[in-house]
Amino acid sequence: MSKRNLLKGRSTSSVALEPEVAIAVIGLLSATADGEGITIEEEYALSEMLGSVSQFEDYSDDDFEELTQKVASLLEEEEPEVVIEQAIASLPNKDYREAAYITAILVVGIDEEVPETEQDYISELQEALKISDKRAQELIDEVFGEEEEEEEEEEEEE
């Protein structure tokens, strides 16, 4: 999705999504940013991420199944660009916007390869979510910094 698609003059639809659905939509569409569809790893990362976000802490398996169905039906009814615009517009505050961004970077980074198309997508998403470069870097460091430290510790133990 290029910037002109992600932010193309805002959706004409006034449909507001539930914030949880919006985060799931952004996560799901982030998994497809590389143009290769959703891999098992990306699907797993998305479900794990959603499970660890405070907005989803009380969700049961049935709730996640219902959420998945809502997202799937949205994507059947509308173009992805329209749905992601609705999702971004439906995030009520900074915490939700940051949760959506973290979900996106986790899903995109799960395969440890971030080609230029995914980098562009994440930059566009960051801008659309109104997250500063400094804050985006802090979030990336929080998410991936711990992983790198754990990997370094494992290597030292071997």
Protein backbone atom coordinates (compact mmCIF):
# COMPACT_ATOMS: atom_id res chain seq x y z
CA MET A 1 0.00 0.00 0.00
CA SER A 2 1.55 3.25 -1.01
CA LYS A 3 0.94 6.48 0.83
CA ARG A 4 -1.55 7.62 -1.75
CA ASN A 5 -3.54 4.46 -1.07
CA LEU A 6 -3.16 4.44 2.71
CA LEU A 7 -4.01 8.11 3.09
CA LYS A 8 -5.84 8.91 -0.11
CA GLY A 9 -7.94 11.82 1.00
CA ARG A 10 -9.68 9.88 3.76
CA SER A 11 -12.55 7.51 3.35
CA THR A 12 -15.93 8.83 2.37
CA SER A 13 -17.43 6.20 4.65
CA SER A 14 -18.51 7.39 8.07
CA VAL A 15 -18.50 3.89 9.51
CA ALA A 16 -16.64 3.79 12.80
CA LEU A 17 -15.10 0.52 13.83
CA GLU A 18 -14.75 -0.69 17.38
CA PRO A 19 -11.18 0.17 18.44
CA GLU A 20 -10.33 -3.51 18.95
CA VAL A 21 -11.55 -4.32 15.44
CA ALA A 22 -9.51 -1.39 14.13
CA ILE A 23 -6.32 -2.72 15.75
CA ALA A 24 -6.98 -6.20 14.36
CA VAL A 25 -7.61 -4.77 10.88
CA ILE A 26 -4.34 -2.84 10.97
CA GLY A 27 -2.48 -5.93 12.17
CA LEU A 28 -4.02 -8.13 9.50
CA LEU A 29 -3.37 -5.68 6.69
CA SER A 30 0.18 -5.18 7.96
CA ALA A 31 0.74 -8.89 7.45
CA THR A 32 -0.09 -8.42 3.79
CA ALA A 33 2.17 -5.36 3.32
CA ASP A 34 4.83 -7.50 1.66
CA GLY A 35 2.35 -8.60 -1.00
CA GLU A 36 2.78 -12.26 -0.06
CA GLY A 37 -0.37 -12.80 1.95
CA ILE A 38 -0.39 -13.88 5.58
CA THR A 39 2.13 -16.47 6.70
CA ILE A 40 1.59 -18.79 9.64
CA GLU A 41 4.25 -16.84 11.56
CA GLU A 42 2.47 -13.54 10.90
CA GLU A 43 -0.89 -15.02 11.91
CA TYR A 44 0.66 -16.35 15.13
CA ALA A 45 2.38 -13.02 15.87
CA LEU A 46 -0.89 -11.19 15.34
CA SER A 47 -2.84 -13.47 17.67
CA GLU A 48 -0.08 -13.31 20.32
CA MET A 49 0.16 -9.54 20.04
CA LEU A 50 -3.57 -9.04 20.31
CA GLY A 51 -3.63 -11.35 23.32
CA SER A 52 -1.01 -9.23 25.09
CA VAL A 53 -2.58 -5.83 24.38
CA SER A 54 -4.49 -4.53 27.39
CA GLN A 55 -7.51 -3.73 25.23
CA PHE A 56 -7.85 -7.48 24.56
CA GLU A 57 -6.95 -8.91 27.98
CA ASP A 58 -10.52 -9.98 28.75
CA TYR A 59 -11.12 -11.58 25.35
CA SER A 60 -12.02 -15.26 25.27
CA ASP A 61 -11.32 -17.60 22.36
CA ASP A 62 -14.91 -17.00 21.23
CA ASP A 63 -14.36 -13.24 21.36
CA PHE A 64 -11.24 -13.59 19.18
CA GLU A 65 -13.18 -15.78 16.74
CA GLU A 66 -15.94 -13.16 16.54
CA LEU A 67 -13.31 -10.44 16.02
CA THR A 68 -11.73 -12.46 13.21
CA GLN A 69 -15.13 -12.85 11.53
CA LYS A 70 -15.80 -9.10 11.77
CA VAL A 71 -12.46 -8.29 10.19
CA ALA A 72 -12.95 -10.89 7.44
CA SER A 73 -16.42 -9.59 6.57
CA LEU A 74 -15.17 -5.99 6.51
CA LEU A 75 -12.46 -6.96 4.04
CA GLU A 76 -14.99 -8.78 1.87
CA GLU A 77 -17.23 -5.71 1.72
CA GLU A 78 -14.64 -2.96 1.18
CA GLU A 79 -11.23 -2.42 -0.40
CA PRO A 80 -8.33 -2.78 2.06
CA GLU A 81 -7.43 0.90 1.64
CA VAL A 82 -10.93 1.96 2.71
CA VAL A 83 -10.93 -0.43 5.68
CA ILE A 84 -7.55 0.72 6.95
CA GLU A 85 -8.65 4.36 6.69
CA GLN A 86 -11.74 3.49 8.72
CA ALA A 87 -9.57 1.62 11.21
CA ILE A 88 -7.15 4.52 11.69
CA ALA A 89 -10.02 6.99 12.07
CA SER A 90 -11.67 4.70 14.66
CA LEU A 91 -8.76 4.67 17.11
CA PRO A 92 -9.96 6.94 19.93
CA ASN A 93 -6.68 7.91 21.56
CA LYS A 94 -2.89 7.69 21.65
CA ASP A 95 -2.87 4.35 23.53
CA TYR A 96 -4.95 2.66 20.84
CA ARG A 97 -2.90 4.26 18.05
CA GLU A 98 0.32 3.03 19.65
CA ALA A 99 -1.16 -0.45 20.20
CA ALA A 100 -2.05 -0.55 16.50
CA TYR A 101 1.46 0.57 15.54
CA ILE A 102 3.11 -2.00 17.82
CA THR A 103 0.86 -4.70 16.36
CA ALA A 104 1.88 -3.65 12.85
CA ILE A 105 5.63 -3.60 13.54
CA LEU A 106 5.48 -6.98 15.28
CA VAL A 107 3.59 -8.60 12.43
CA VAL A 108 5.85 -7.02 9.79
CA GLY A 109 9.03 -7.89 11.69
CA ILE A 110 8.16 -11.47 12.65
CA ASP A 111 10.03 -12.97 9.69
CA GLU A 112 13.07 -10.79 10.52
CA GLU A 113 13.00 -9.42 6.98
CA VAL A 114 11.66 -5.95 6.35
CA PRO A 115 11.89 -5.15 2.64
CA GLU A 116 11.49 -1.62 1.38
CA THR A 117 7.76 -2.05 0.68
CA GLU A 118 7.15 -2.98 4.32
CA GLN A 119 9.39 -0.14 5.55
CA ASP A 120 7.40 2.31 3.41
CA TYR A 121 4.14 0.87 4.73
CA ILE A 122 5.25 1.22 8.37
CA SER A 123 6.40 4.81 7.74
CA GLU A 124 3.06 5.67 6.16
CA LEU A 125 1.18 3.99 8.99
CA GLN A 126 3.26 5.85 11.59
CA GLU A 127 2.39 9.14 9.90
CA ALA A 128 -1.29 8.25 9.59
CA LEU A 129 -1.38 7.30 13.29
CA LYS A 130 0.29 10.63 14.18
CA ILE A 131 3.19 8.97 15.99
CA SER A 132 6.39 11.04 16.05
CA ASP A 133 9.64 9.60 14.72
CA LYS A 134 11.09 9.71 18.22
CA ARG A 135 8.14 7.84 19.76
CA ALA A 136 8.08 5.33 16.91
CA GLN A 137 11.75 4.56 17.55
CA GLU A 138 11.06 4.15 21.28
CA LEU A 139 8.26 1.68 20.51
CA ILE A 140 10.45 -0.25 18.07
CA ASP A 141 13.25 -0.39 20.66
CA GLU A 142 10.80 -1.57 23.33
CA VAL A 143 9.43 -4.32 21.10
CA PHE A 144 12.59 -5.54 19.41
CA GLY A 145 15.23 -4.46 21.93
CA GLU A 146 14.14 -7.11 24.46
CA GLU A 147 14.26 -9.82 21.80
CA GLU A 148 17.78 -8.87 20.79
CA GLU A 149 18.92 -8.89 24.43
CA GLU A 150 17.44 -12.37 24.96
CA GLU A 151 19.14 -13.67 21.81
CA GLU A 152 22.49 -12.23 22.95
CA GLU A 153 22.11 -13.86 26.38
CA GLU A 154 21.31 -17.23 24.76
CA GLU A 155 24.37 -16.97 22.54
CA GLU A 156 26.57 -16.17 25.56
CA GLU A 157 25.26 -19.22 27.42
CA GLU A 158 26.14 -21.58 24.57
